[in-house]
């Protein structure tokens, strides 16, 4: 259930946070969207539906460029500025915050989490490289997060299949046959609903394994 939608002024413009709260005071999982879509993405919505029942509040963060109705995401430094500007609202209750996001939002989380005081990082569909350009690796962002990190990656993600990821201080869970948006073919086994269950189950297990946060 959506509890509230909150507008937040940042140096990059007005951002928006949609809260899906757990019943009791709980850690916050803040999730940013990708460069090609918003918080309606299937993985973000699945986590917003499932995690509050497991004691984790989910905050879906819309970057200022999306709130303003623009079609193209700005440069990484502007995305980082928007995310940093929202952080005081995310951490305002004094509860621990996990920085997360999908695709470009995962990159933002990795780049900024330690400096903002996050307790962990969740990277959904981390874009390890542009499609067909493995030499353009962004692994340094992931490896430099400096916090407990979970990557959930589609088995057929053209931005980086699980086997392409380097060894590092993070956990990685594969969603079989899933693409960059965690869609699976109609004939796939597991199917779409089960694929999202793999994703949400992995995040619940990881988040609870972090122990007392803060």
Protein backbone atom coordinates (compact mmCIF):
# COMPACT_ATOMS: atom_id res chain seq x y z
CA UNK A 1 0.00 0.00 0.00
CA UNK A 2 1.28 3.48 -0.85
CA UNK A 3 1.37 5.58 2.31
CA UNK A 4 2.40 8.93 0.93
CA UNK A 5 4.02 10.74 -1.96
CA UNK A 6 6.51 13.44 -1.06
CA UNK A 7 8.07 16.16 -3.21
CA UNK A 8 11.67 17.05 -2.36
CA UNK A 9 13.62 20.03 -3.66
CA UNK A 10 17.19 19.24 -4.77
CA UNK A 11 19.95 21.09 -6.59
CA UNK A 12 18.87 19.21 -9.73
CA UNK A 13 15.19 20.13 -9.41
CA UNK A 14 12.14 18.66 -7.71
CA UNK A 15 12.31 14.94 -6.96
CA UNK A 16 9.49 12.74 -5.73
CA UNK A 17 9.46 9.92 -3.16
CA UNK A 18 6.65 7.37 -2.98
CA UNK A 19 6.63 5.59 0.38
CA UNK A 20 5.56 1.99 0.98
CA UNK A 21 5.92 1.65 4.73
CA UNK A 22 6.30 -1.36 6.98
CA UNK A 23 3.92 -1.49 9.93
CA UNK A 24 6.60 -0.74 12.50
CA UNK A 25 9.66 1.50 12.40
CA UNK A 26 11.88 -0.29 9.92
CA UNK A 27 14.98 0.05 7.79
CA UNK A 28 14.38 2.00 4.58
CA UNK A 29 15.25 0.59 1.16
CA UNK A 30 15.57 3.58 -1.16
CA UNK A 31 15.26 2.65 -4.84
CA UNK A 32 16.11 4.83 -7.81
CA UNK A 33 14.99 4.09 -11.37
CA UNK A 34 16.90 3.68 -14.59
CA UNK A 35 17.70 6.08 -17.40
CA UNK A 36 15.00 4.68 -19.67
CA UNK A 37 12.06 4.45 -17.30
CA UNK A 38 10.64 5.34 -13.93
CA UNK A 39 9.53 3.74 -10.69
CA UNK A 40 6.84 1.77 -12.51
CA UNK A 41 9.54 -0.79 -13.45
CA UNK A 42 8.46 -4.34 -12.59
CA UNK A 43 11.35 -5.03 -10.21
CA UNK A 44 10.86 -1.83 -8.22
CA UNK A 45 7.11 -2.38 -7.97
CA UNK A 46 7.59 -6.00 -6.90
CA UNK A 47 9.89 -4.96 -4.07
CA UNK A 48 7.48 -2.21 -2.99
CA UNK A 49 4.69 -4.79 -2.75
CA UNK A 50 6.64 -7.48 -0.93
CA UNK A 51 9.22 -5.95 1.41
CA UNK A 52 7.01 -3.98 3.84
CA UNK A 53 5.50 -7.27 5.06
CA UNK A 54 9.05 -8.38 5.89
CA UNK A 55 9.86 -5.32 7.98
CA UNK A 56 11.49 -3.12 5.34
CA UNK A 57 10.03 0.22 4.25
CA UNK A 58 10.47 0.91 0.52
CA UNK A 59 10.95 4.43 -0.82
CA UNK A 60 10.70 4.75 -4.60
CA UNK A 61 12.65 7.81 -5.71
CA UNK A 62 11.86 9.63 -8.96
CA UNK A 63 14.71 11.75 -10.19
CA UNK A 64 13.96 15.42 -11.03
CA UNK A 65 14.28 14.84 -14.79
CA UNK A 66 11.46 12.29 -14.65
CA UNK A 67 9.28 14.48 -12.43
CA UNK A 68 9.75 17.31 -14.94
CA UNK A 69 8.59 15.05 -17.77
CA UNK A 70 11.85 14.95 -19.69
CA UNK A 71 12.62 11.93 -21.86
CA UNK A 72 16.40 11.72 -21.52
CA UNK A 73 18.36 11.29 -18.31
CA UNK A 74 21.04 13.90 -17.54
CA UNK A 75 24.73 13.30 -16.88
CA UNK A 76 25.80 11.07 -13.97
CA UNK A 77 26.88 14.04 -11.84
CA UNK A 78 23.37 15.51 -12.13
CA UNK A 79 21.79 12.16 -11.22
CA UNK A 80 24.07 11.99 -8.19
CA UNK A 81 23.09 15.54 -7.18
CA UNK A 82 19.40 14.66 -7.36
CA UNK A 83 19.93 11.52 -5.27
CA UNK A 84 22.01 13.35 -2.65
CA UNK A 85 19.33 16.02 -2.42
CA UNK A 86 16.66 13.44 -1.61
CA UNK A 87 18.76 11.67 1.02
CA UNK A 88 17.81 13.88 4.02
CA UNK A 89 14.15 12.98 3.43
CA UNK A 90 15.01 9.28 3.22
CA UNK A 91 17.05 9.35 6.42
CA UNK A 92 14.86 11.87 8.22
CA UNK A 93 13.37 9.40 10.69
CA UNK A 94 16.82 8.37 11.89
CA UNK A 95 16.39 4.83 10.59
CA UNK A 96 19.09 2.98 8.64
CA UNK A 97 18.85 3.37 4.87
CA UNK A 98 19.89 0.87 2.19
CA UNK A 99 20.78 2.68 -1.04
CA UNK A 100 19.50 0.90 -4.11
CA UNK A 101 18.23 1.19 -7.62
CA UNK A 102 17.94 -0.41 -10.99
CA UNK A 103 20.32 0.16 -13.94
CA UNK A 104 21.48 3.81 -13.84
CA UNK A 105 19.92 4.06 -10.38
CA UNK A 106 22.14 1.20 -9.24
CA UNK A 107 25.19 3.09 -10.48
CA UNK A 108 24.10 6.19 -8.56
CA UNK A 109 23.67 4.12 -5.40
CA UNK A 110 27.11 2.55 -5.76
CA UNK A 111 28.79 5.92 -6.33
CA UNK A 112 27.16 7.75 -3.45
CA UNK A 113 26.13 5.27 -0.74
CA UNK A 114 29.20 5.32 1.49
CA UNK A 115 29.43 9.10 1.47
CA UNK A 116 25.76 9.49 2.40
CA UNK A 117 25.91 7.09 5.33
CA UNK A 118 23.96 4.21 3.79
CA UNK A 119 24.32 0.84 5.49
CA UNK A 120 24.30 -1.31 2.31
CA UNK A 121 23.73 -1.21 -1.46
CA UNK A 122 21.21 -3.06 -3.64
CA UNK A 123 22.01 -3.08 -7.37
CA UNK A 124 19.24 -4.36 -9.65
CA UNK A 125 20.26 -4.96 -13.26
CA UNK A 126 23.64 -3.29 -12.77
CA UNK A 127 24.71 -2.04 -16.24
CA UNK A 128 28.21 -3.50 -16.23
CA UNK A 129 28.78 -2.24 -19.76
CA UNK A 130 26.78 -0.89 -22.70
CA UNK A 131 25.28 -3.70 -24.81
CA UNK A 132 27.93 -5.21 -27.05
CA UNK A 133 30.69 -3.08 -25.51
CA UNK A 134 32.27 -5.17 -22.73
CA UNK A 135 35.43 -3.09 -22.95
CA UNK A 136 33.46 -0.12 -21.54
CA UNK A 137 33.29 -1.66 -18.08
CA UNK A 138 31.69 0.12 -15.12
CA UNK A 139 32.89 -2.51 -12.67
CA UNK A 140 34.88 0.07 -10.72
CA UNK A 141 31.66 1.70 -9.52
CA UNK A 142 30.35 -1.59 -8.18
CA UNK A 143 33.66 -2.67 -6.66
CA UNK A 144 34.12 0.73 -5.06
CA UNK A 145 30.79 0.84 -3.23
CA UNK A 146 32.54 0.05 0.05
CA UNK A 147 29.46 -1.43 1.73
CA UNK A 148 27.65 -4.79 1.86
CA UNK A 149 26.24 -5.09 -1.65
CA UNK A 150 23.78 -7.37 -3.41
CA UNK A 151 23.56 -7.52 -7.21
CA UNK A 152 20.45 -9.11 -8.74
CA UNK A 153 21.07 -9.69 -12.45
CA UNK A 154 19.09 -11.18 -15.31
CA UNK A 155 20.70 -14.25 -16.82
CA UNK A 156 20.36 -12.75 -20.30
CA UNK A 157 20.97 -9.08 -19.49
CA UNK A 158 22.74 -7.50 -22.49
CA UNK A 159 24.22 -4.90 -20.12
CA UNK A 160 26.15 -7.69 -18.37
CA UNK A 161 25.36 -11.34 -17.82
CA UNK A 162 26.16 -12.75 -14.38
CA UNK A 163 29.20 -14.69 -15.65
CA UNK A 164 30.76 -11.44 -16.91
CA UNK A 165 30.95 -9.89 -13.45
CA UNK A 166 34.40 -9.80 -11.81
CA UNK A 167 35.15 -11.29 -8.42
CA UNK A 168 34.53 -8.76 -5.70
CA UNK A 169 33.13 -7.94 -2.26
CA UNK A 170 29.48 -8.38 -3.17
CA UNK A 171 26.84 -11.08 -3.50
CA UNK A 172 25.22 -11.84 -6.86
CA UNK A 173 21.92 -13.58 -7.52
CA UNK A 174 20.91 -14.57 -11.06
CA UNK A 175 17.34 -14.48 -12.31
CA UNK A 176 17.34 -17.16 -15.04
CA UNK A 177 16.47 -16.09 -18.60
CA UNK A 178 15.65 -12.53 -17.51
CA UNK A 179 16.63 -9.48 -19.54
CA UNK A 180 17.70 -6.06 -18.27
CA UNK A 181 14.17 -5.29 -17.06
CA UNK A 182 13.75 -8.77 -15.53
CA UNK A 183 11.30 -9.79 -18.23
CA UNK A 184 11.46 -13.45 -19.26
CA UNK A 185 10.17 -15.10 -22.46
CA UNK A 186 6.62 -16.45 -22.28
CA UNK A 187 7.96 -19.97 -22.78
CA UNK A 188 10.59 -19.62 -20.05
CA UNK A 189 10.70 -21.74 -16.93
CA UNK A 190 10.57 -20.17 -14.40
CA UNK A 191 7.92 -17.83 -15.74
CA UNK A 192 7.48 -14.12 -15.14
CA UNK A 193 5.81 -14.36 -11.74
CA UNK A 194 8.37 -16.87 -10.49
CA UNK A 195 11.23 -14.73 -11.84
CA UNK A 196 10.07 -11.79 -9.75
CA UNK A 197 9.71 -14.09 -6.74
CA UNK A 198 13.37 -15.11 -7.17
CA UNK A 199 14.27 -11.41 -7.11
CA UNK A 200 12.16 -10.45 -4.09
CA UNK A 201 13.09 -13.58 -2.13
CA UNK A 202 16.78 -12.84 -2.69
CA UNK A 203 16.40 -9.26 -1.47
CA UNK A 204 14.41 -10.31 1.61
CA UNK A 205 16.99 -12.95 2.51
CA UNK A 206 19.88 -10.55 2.00
CA UNK A 207 18.31 -7.65 3.87
CA UNK A 208 17.47 -9.79 6.88
CA UNK A 209 20.96 -11.32 6.83
CA UNK A 210 22.46 -7.88 7.38
CA UNK A 211 21.40 -8.17 11.03
CA UNK A 212 20.63 -5.13 13.16
CA UNK A 213 21.18 -2.13 10.90
CA UNK A 214 22.53 1.23 11.85
